[in-house]
Structures are given as structure tokens and as C-alpha cells.
Amino acid sequence: NEPVDRVFNTNLYLDNSSAIAMGRSFRDTKHTRHILRRYHFVRTSVENKRLTLVWIPTEHQLADLATKILSGARTSFLTSIIMTIVPEKNIQDSKRSAQEE
């Protein structure tokens, strides 16, 4: 576990442009001023260049697999994207190491 100061820049992929605008803005607006400053982890991380907010189309939001009920076609599509990111060989290797432990 490295200290937070040593964490490298990480991309956070969002399909909500308003959330990105709030995360990038360092000013309080009439909609966000009620949120206590200590809860602005994302803003602070963006300001310190530890986090980059990246917009992606809703169709490519991989987090939907874990957060929403999806149709079979949509589940297959998102799963296929993940399988291109994490090749089958890596999955097989991780299964093998888990069995060895």
C-alpha cells in the first residue's frame, strides 16, 4: 500500500458530462456548495493530477455490467470489450494461480 501522494495518474471513465464538469470545476456553484469540502475527493484528485476524468459514450460504459440490469445482447457486448482488454490467457493464468494457493 503506497501513500496516496505516490499514486500515479488514473483515468476515470464517465458517461455523464455534468459529473465531469463538477469534477473539473474548482468553484462551488449553487448546486454543489451544500457539499462539504471534505467530500470533494474527485476534485482534489483532479487538481493534484492523480485522476483524469474522461468522457466515454454510454454504450461503452463497462461499469454498467456491475451496476445495472442489462439485456443479454448488451451484456455480451460489454463482456466482449472486457475480454479484449483482459485476454483469455491472463484469465487462465489467474485461475491457475488461485488453484495453486
C-alpha atoms as a PDB file:
ATOM      1  CA  ASN A   1       0.000   0.000   0.000  1.00  0.00           C
ATOM      2  CA  GLU A   2       1.667   3.149  -1.235  1.00  0.00           C
ATOM      3  CA  PRO A   3       0.858   6.544   0.231  1.00  0.00           C
ATOM      4  CA  VAL A   4      -1.742   8.489  -1.734  1.00  0.00           C
ATOM      5  CA  ASP A   5       0.885  11.039  -2.811  1.00  0.00           C
ATOM      6  CA  ARG A   6       2.718   8.368  -4.801  1.00  0.00           C
ATOM      7  CA  VAL A   7      -0.323   7.143  -6.756  1.00  0.00           C
ATOM      8  CA  PHE A   8       0.085   7.579 -10.493  1.00  0.00           C
ATOM      9  CA  ASN A   9      -2.432   9.337 -12.695  1.00  0.00           C
ATOM     10  CA  THR A  10      -5.515   7.186 -13.236  1.00  0.00           C
ATOM     11  CA  ASN A  11      -8.280   7.641 -15.786  1.00  0.00           C
ATOM     12  CA  LEU A  12     -11.877   7.635 -14.541  1.00  0.00           C
ATOM     13  CA  TYR A  13     -14.254   6.946 -17.428  1.00  0.00           C
ATOM     14  CA  LEU A  14     -17.628   8.682 -17.115  1.00  0.00           C
ATOM     15  CA  ASP A  15     -20.633   8.883 -19.403  1.00  0.00           C
ATOM     16  CA  ASN A  16     -22.083  11.895 -17.582  1.00  0.00           C
ATOM     17  CA  SER A  17     -20.747  15.233 -18.808  1.00  0.00           C
ATOM     18  CA  SER A  18     -22.264  17.093 -15.824  1.00  0.00           C
ATOM     19  CA  ALA A  19     -20.328  14.887 -13.406  1.00  0.00           C
ATOM     20  CA  ILE A  20     -17.150  15.586 -15.370  1.00  0.00           C
ATOM     21  CA  ALA A  21     -17.812  19.339 -15.263  1.00  0.00           C
ATOM     22  CA  MET A  22     -18.355  19.208 -11.487  1.00  0.00           C
ATOM     23  CA  GLY A  23     -15.177  17.171 -11.021  1.00  0.00           C
ATOM     24  CA  ARG A  24     -13.088  19.565 -13.077  1.00  0.00           C
ATOM     25  CA  SER A  25     -14.517  22.772 -11.630  1.00  0.00           C
ATOM     26  CA  PHE A  26     -12.794  24.070  -8.537  1.00  0.00           C
ATOM     27  CA  ARG A  27     -15.527  26.610  -7.808  1.00  0.00           C
ATOM     28  CA  ASP A  28     -18.642  25.967  -5.824  1.00  0.00           C
ATOM     29  CA  THR A  29     -21.888  26.545  -7.687  1.00  0.00           C
ATOM     30  CA  LYS A  30     -25.404  26.931  -6.339  1.00  0.00           C
ATOM     31  CA  HIS A  31     -25.859  23.198  -6.958  1.00  0.00           C
ATOM     32  CA  THR A  32     -22.672  21.984  -5.275  1.00  0.00           C
ATOM     33  CA  ARG A  33     -21.988  24.422  -2.466  1.00  0.00           C
ATOM     34  CA  HIS A  34     -24.009  22.346   0.019  1.00  0.00           C
ATOM     35  CA  ILE A  35     -21.490  19.501  -0.299  1.00  0.00           C
ATOM     36  CA  LEU A  36     -18.851  19.735   2.386  1.00  0.00           C
ATOM     37  CA  ARG A  37     -15.352  20.321   1.061  1.00  0.00           C
ATOM     38  CA  ARG A  38     -14.015  17.137   2.657  1.00  0.00           C
ATOM     39  CA  TYR A  39     -16.216  15.107   0.327  1.00  0.00           C
ATOM     40  CA  HIS A  40     -14.605  16.536  -2.812  1.00  0.00           C
ATOM     41  CA  PHE A  41     -12.138  13.676  -3.226  1.00  0.00           C
ATOM     42  CA  VAL A  42     -12.541  13.633  -7.010  1.00  0.00           C
ATOM     43  CA  ARG A  43     -11.999  17.381  -7.332  1.00  0.00           C
ATOM     44  CA  THR A  44      -8.914  17.234  -5.142  1.00  0.00           C
ATOM     45  CA  SER A  45      -7.537  14.260  -7.069  1.00  0.00           C
ATOM     46  CA  VAL A  46      -8.095  16.046 -10.415  1.00  0.00           C
ATOM     47  CA  GLU A  47      -6.477  19.195  -9.044  1.00  0.00           C
ATOM     48  CA  ASN A  48      -3.448  17.184  -7.864  1.00  0.00           C
ATOM     49  CA  LYS A  49      -3.263  15.413 -11.249  1.00  0.00           C
ATOM     50  CA  ARG A  50      -3.811  11.983  -9.696  1.00  0.00           C
ATOM     51  CA  LEU A  51      -7.084  11.481 -11.538  1.00  0.00           C
ATOM     52  CA  THR A  52      -8.156  12.352 -15.073  1.00  0.00           C
ATOM     53  CA  LEU A  53     -11.854  12.452 -15.929  1.00  0.00           C
ATOM     54  CA  VAL A  54     -12.519  11.033 -19.389  1.00  0.00           C
ATOM     55  CA  TRP A  55     -15.892  11.087 -21.157  1.00  0.00           C
ATOM     56  CA  ILE A  56     -16.979   7.927 -22.939  1.00  0.00           C
ATOM     57  CA  PRO A  57     -20.264   7.102 -24.687  1.00  0.00           C
ATOM     58  CA  THR A  58     -22.854   5.354 -22.517  1.00  0.00           C
ATOM     59  CA  GLU A  59     -22.697   2.358 -24.851  1.00  0.00           C
ATOM     60  CA  HIS A  60     -19.097   1.717 -23.770  1.00  0.00           C
ATOM     61  CA  GLN A  61     -19.530   2.201 -20.009  1.00  0.00           C
ATOM     62  CA  LEU A  62     -18.134  -1.056 -18.614  1.00  0.00           C
ATOM     63  CA  ALA A  63     -19.289  -0.241 -15.083  1.00  0.00           C
ATOM     64  CA  ASP A  64     -22.865  -0.891 -16.239  1.00  0.00           C
ATOM     65  CA  LEU A  65     -22.089  -4.615 -16.045  1.00  0.00           C
ATOM     66  CA  ALA A  66     -21.817  -4.307 -12.270  1.00  0.00           C
ATOM     67  CA  THR A  67     -24.401  -1.610 -11.619  1.00  0.00           C
ATOM     68  CA  LYS A  68     -27.376  -2.233 -13.925  1.00  0.00           C
ATOM     69  CA  ILE A  69     -29.638  -4.958 -15.184  1.00  0.00           C
ATOM     70  CA  LEU A  70     -28.792  -5.314 -18.876  1.00  0.00           C
ATOM     71  CA  SER A  71     -30.198  -7.209 -21.823  1.00  0.00           C
ATOM     72  CA  GLY A  72     -28.366 -10.314 -23.000  1.00  0.00           C
ATOM     73  CA  ALA A  73     -27.088  -8.519 -26.099  1.00  0.00           C
ATOM     74  CA  ARG A  74     -25.764  -5.585 -24.065  1.00  0.00           C
ATOM     75  CA  THR A  75     -24.127  -7.910 -21.539  1.00  0.00           C
ATOM     76  CA  SER A  76     -22.457  -9.846 -24.361  1.00  0.00           C
ATOM     77  CA  PHE A  77     -21.230  -6.640 -25.995  1.00  0.00           C
ATOM     78  CA  LEU A  78     -19.677  -5.233 -22.803  1.00  0.00           C
ATOM     79  CA  THR A  79     -18.218  -8.619 -21.886  1.00  0.00           C
ATOM     80  CA  SER A  80     -16.592  -8.829 -25.317  1.00  0.00           C
ATOM     81  CA  ILE A  81     -14.955  -5.445 -24.700  1.00  0.00           C
ATOM     82  CA  ILE A  82     -13.582  -6.644 -21.371  1.00  0.00           C
ATOM     83  CA  MET A  83     -12.299  -9.845 -22.967  1.00  0.00           C
ATOM     84  CA  THR A  84     -10.275  -7.787 -25.457  1.00  0.00           C
ATOM     85  CA  ILE A  85      -8.803  -5.784 -22.581  1.00  0.00           C
ATOM     86  CA  VAL A  86      -8.089  -8.850 -20.424  1.00  0.00           C
ATOM     87  CA  PRO A  87      -7.064 -11.635 -22.822  1.00  0.00           C
ATOM     88  CA  GLU A  88      -8.162 -15.203 -22.104  1.00  0.00           C
ATOM     89  CA  LYS A  89      -4.573 -16.205 -21.309  1.00  0.00           C
ATOM     90  CA  ASN A  90      -4.496 -13.793 -18.340  1.00  0.00           C
ATOM     91  CA  ILE A  91      -7.774 -15.203 -17.048  1.00  0.00           C
ATOM     92  CA  GLN A  92      -6.447 -18.768 -17.339  1.00  0.00           C
ATOM     93  CA  ASP A  93      -3.226 -17.771 -15.528  1.00  0.00           C
ATOM     94  CA  SER A  94      -5.140 -16.156 -12.665  1.00  0.00           C
ATOM     95  CA  LYS A  95      -7.381 -19.234 -12.302  1.00  0.00           C
ATOM     96  CA  ARG A  96      -4.305 -21.451 -12.209  1.00  0.00           C
ATOM     97  CA  SER A  97      -2.590 -19.339  -9.529  1.00  0.00           C
ATOM     98  CA  ALA A  98      -5.754 -19.298  -7.432  1.00  0.00           C
ATOM     99  CA  GLN A  99      -5.903 -23.096  -7.562  1.00  0.00           C
ATOM    100  CA  GLU A 100      -2.252 -23.390  -6.549  1.00  0.00           C
ATOM    101  CA  GLU A 101      -2.821 -21.295  -3.412  1.00  0.00           C
END
